[in-house]
Amino acid sequence: MTDWDGIERRAREQAERVVEDRLKAVRMLTDARRRTAELRDQLAAAEADDRRLWQDALRQGWTRAELRASGLSEPAGKATRRKASAVKKSAPKRQAPPPLAEAIETIERGVADVDGER
């Protein structure tokens, strides 16, 4: 005699384990994403403080050269100004691909050549 109740119970338990494993995976992923977002926010705040304090040091009379000589590099994310003479030249234009009809014709000729050799 088949134990239908036992089969159903084992199937339900297996399905529940699969669902629990998937839920655990998404919980761990959302926790990691939350932590990453928090750390990015903290980093952005620290970098803003760094830029502000760098400017404060400059206002107090330090020069960029003096700060760099002391081992302090300019703050991360600092916007730099480009000189007017530093205009970037555009890359050479690439040749346009052949029109679609020409490409199809080339492919068809190749197929005809292969078929003709058989």
Protein backbone atom coordinates (compact mmCIF):
# COMPACT_ATOMS: atom_id res chain seq x y z
CA MET A 1 0.00 0.00 0.00
CA THR A 2 1.33 3.45 -0.96
CA ASP A 3 1.85 5.99 1.81
CA TRP A 4 0.33 9.00 0.07
CA ASP A 5 0.39 11.10 3.24
CA GLY A 6 4.12 10.41 3.69
CA ILE A 7 4.84 11.25 0.05
CA GLU A 8 2.93 14.51 0.35
CA ARG A 9 4.69 15.38 3.63
CA ARG A 10 8.18 14.70 2.19
CA ALA A 11 7.40 16.72 -0.96
CA ARG A 12 6.11 19.62 1.14
CA GLU A 13 9.21 19.52 3.37
CA GLN A 14 11.50 19.49 0.35
CA ALA A 15 9.64 22.42 -1.24
CA GLU A 16 9.78 24.36 2.03
CA ARG A 17 13.57 23.81 2.24
CA VAL A 18 13.98 25.12 -1.31
CA VAL A 19 11.88 28.20 -0.53
CA GLU A 20 13.79 28.80 2.73
CA ASP A 21 17.12 28.55 0.91
CA ARG A 22 15.95 31.07 -1.70
CA LEU A 23 14.65 33.43 0.98
CA LYS A 24 17.93 33.15 2.88
CA ALA A 25 19.88 33.99 -0.30
CA VAL A 26 17.80 37.11 -0.99
CA ARG A 27 18.03 38.19 2.67
CA MET A 28 21.81 37.92 2.53
CA LEU A 29 21.92 39.81 -0.76
CA THR A 30 19.72 42.65 0.48
CA ASP A 31 21.80 42.88 3.67
CA ALA A 32 24.97 43.16 1.58
CA ARG A 33 23.39 45.80 -0.68
CA ARG A 34 22.18 47.77 2.35
CA ARG A 35 25.66 47.68 3.90
CA THR A 36 27.25 48.70 0.59
CA ALA A 37 24.89 51.68 0.28
CA GLU A 38 25.67 52.73 3.86
CA LEU A 39 29.41 52.51 3.23
CA ARG A 40 29.09 54.51 0.01
CA ASP A 41 27.21 57.21 1.92
CA GLN A 42 29.92 57.25 4.60
CA LEU A 43 32.65 57.45 1.95
CA ALA A 44 30.88 60.33 0.18
CA ALA A 45 30.60 62.23 3.47
CA ALA A 46 34.28 61.59 4.30
CA GLU A 47 35.36 62.75 0.83
CA ALA A 48 33.24 65.90 1.17
CA ASP A 49 34.92 66.60 4.54
CA ASP A 50 38.33 66.01 2.96
CA ARG A 51 37.61 68.48 0.13
CA ARG A 52 36.27 71.05 2.61
CA LEU A 53 39.28 70.71 4.91
CA TRP A 54 41.68 70.93 1.96
CA GLN A 55 40.06 74.23 0.99
CA ASP A 56 40.24 75.40 4.61
CA ALA A 57 44.00 74.68 4.64
CA LEU A 58 44.41 76.68 1.41
CA ARG A 59 42.45 79.58 2.92
CA GLN A 60 44.73 79.46 5.98
CA GLY A 61 47.69 80.14 3.74
CA TRP A 62 48.96 76.73 2.73
CA THR A 63 49.78 76.30 -0.94
CA ARG A 64 48.99 73.18 -2.94
CA ALA A 65 52.72 72.61 -3.39
CA GLU A 66 53.33 72.82 0.38
CA LEU A 67 50.52 70.40 1.14
CA ARG A 68 51.77 67.97 -1.52
CA ALA A 69 55.34 68.28 -0.19
CA SER A 70 53.94 67.34 3.24
CA GLY A 71 52.64 64.10 1.75
CA LEU A 72 49.04 65.23 1.33
CA SER A 73 47.60 64.66 -2.11
CA GLU A 74 44.70 66.69 -3.43
CA PRO A 75 41.29 65.35 -2.40
CA ALA A 76 39.67 62.56 -4.36
CA GLY A 77 36.96 63.63 -6.74
CA LYS A 78 38.32 67.15 -6.96
CA ALA A 79 37.11 68.81 -10.13
CA THR A 80 40.00 69.99 -12.24
CA ARG A 81 39.80 72.83 -14.72
CA ARG A 82 41.03 72.36 -18.25
CA LYS A 83 42.96 75.00 -20.03
CA ALA A 84 41.37 76.32 -23.21
CA SER A 85 44.31 74.93 -25.21
CA ALA A 86 43.64 71.42 -23.95
CA VAL A 87 40.69 70.84 -26.26
CA LYS A 88 40.40 67.16 -27.01
CA LYS A 89 40.58 66.23 -30.67
CA SER A 90 37.81 63.99 -31.85
CA ALA A 91 38.67 60.45 -32.83
CA PRO A 92 38.85 59.70 -36.54
CA LYS A 93 35.53 58.66 -38.00
CA ARG A 94 35.10 54.99 -38.68
CA GLN A 95 33.89 53.80 -42.04
CA ALA A 96 30.19 53.05 -41.99
CA PRO A 97 29.19 49.39 -42.38
CA PRO A 98 27.77 48.37 -45.76
CA PRO A 99 24.06 48.85 -46.26
CA LEU A 100 21.88 45.94 -45.19
CA ALA A 101 20.90 44.97 -48.75
CA GLU A 102 24.58 44.79 -49.78
CA ALA A 103 25.42 42.65 -46.73
CA ILE A 104 22.55 40.26 -47.49
CA GLU A 105 23.63 40.00 -51.13
CA THR A 106 27.20 39.18 -50.08
CA ILE A 107 25.97 36.46 -47.72
CA GLU A 108 23.69 35.00 -50.39
CA ARG A 109 26.58 34.91 -52.90
CA GLY A 110 28.69 33.08 -50.34
CA VAL A 111 25.93 30.55 -49.69
CA ALA A 112 25.41 30.05 -53.45
CA ASP A 113 29.16 29.47 -53.89
CA VAL A 114 29.18 26.84 -51.14
CA ASP A 115 26.05 25.15 -52.52
CA GLY A 116 27.51 25.17 -56.05
CA GLU A 117 30.63 23.30 -54.91
CA ARG A 118 28.64 20.32 -53.63
